Amino acid sequence: MPEIVGDSGFVLKQKNAAELKQLIEKAIVSDKTALRKSARQRIADNYTLQKRKEKLLELFEKAE
């Protein structure tokens, strides 16, 4: 899900072997420490326990 990964990872936009190969090559040479830090910060900023709880409650309310 591109909106979750953002700039802290790699997303295959379509089933395409050439694109997959490029992403794998990019991942191999990427700064994994920086990606880990970016991903962790993204989670902390956008997916707090409170925000997840609110979204889940919204889903329950819509299901009624």
Protein backbone atom coordinates (compact mmCIF):
# COMPACT_ATOMS: atom_id res chain seq x y z
CA MET A 1 0.00 0.00 0.00
CA PRO A 2 1.89 3.03 -1.27
CA GLU A 3 0.19 5.44 1.14
CA ILE A 4 1.52 3.43 4.06
CA VAL A 5 5.02 2.79 2.73
CA GLY A 6 5.57 6.36 1.56
CA ASP A 7 9.25 7.10 1.03
CA SER A 8 10.42 4.56 3.60
CA GLY A 9 10.35 1.52 1.34
CA PHE A 10 9.64 0.20 -2.11
CA VAL A 11 6.34 -0.43 -3.86
CA LEU A 12 5.79 -2.52 -6.97
CA LYS A 13 3.16 -0.52 -8.83
CA GLN A 14 2.14 -3.29 -11.19
CA LYS A 15 2.96 -6.91 -11.92
CA ASN A 16 6.04 -6.27 -14.02
CA ALA A 17 9.21 -8.35 -13.86
CA ALA A 18 11.46 -5.54 -15.11
CA GLU A 19 10.14 -3.13 -12.50
CA LEU A 20 10.51 -5.77 -9.80
CA LYS A 21 14.12 -6.32 -10.83
CA GLN A 22 14.80 -2.57 -10.59
CA LEU A 23 13.21 -2.38 -7.14
CA ILE A 24 15.26 -5.32 -5.88
CA GLU A 25 18.46 -3.77 -7.22
CA LYS A 26 17.52 -0.45 -5.61
CA ALA A 27 16.78 -2.18 -2.30
CA ILE A 28 20.11 -3.98 -2.31
CA VAL A 29 22.11 -0.75 -2.55
CA SER A 30 19.82 1.38 -0.37
CA ASP A 31 20.72 2.74 3.05
CA LYS A 32 18.77 0.26 5.14
CA THR A 33 19.47 2.07 8.41
CA ALA A 34 17.95 5.26 7.01
CA LEU A 35 14.95 3.34 5.66
CA ARG A 36 14.37 1.69 9.05
CA LYS A 37 14.50 5.05 10.82
CA SER A 38 12.19 6.62 8.25
CA ALA A 39 9.70 3.75 8.53
CA ARG A 40 9.74 3.89 12.32
CA GLN A 41 9.17 7.64 12.32
CA ARG A 42 6.38 7.29 9.77
CA ILE A 43 4.63 4.74 11.98
CA ALA A 44 5.08 6.90 15.09
CA ASP A 45 3.71 9.98 13.31
CA ASN A 46 0.83 8.46 11.38
CA TYR A 47 -0.27 5.27 13.10
CA THR A 48 -0.46 5.97 16.81
CA LEU A 49 -2.56 3.71 19.00
CA GLN A 50 -5.10 6.51 19.40
CA LYS A 51 -5.45 7.03 15.63
CA ARG A 52 -5.81 3.30 15.01
CA LYS A 53 -8.45 3.07 17.75
CA GLU A 54 -10.41 5.98 16.25
CA LYS A 55 -10.36 4.44 12.77
CA LEU A 56 -11.48 1.07 14.09
CA LEU A 57 -14.38 2.67 15.97
CA GLU A 58 -15.36 4.54 12.79
CA LEU A 59 -15.49 1.24 10.92
CA PHE A 60 -17.72 -0.28 13.59
CA GLU A 61 -20.06 2.71 13.46
CA LYS A 62 -20.34 2.48 9.66
CA ALA A 63 -21.13 -1.23 9.89
CA GLU A 64 -24.19 -0.64 12.08
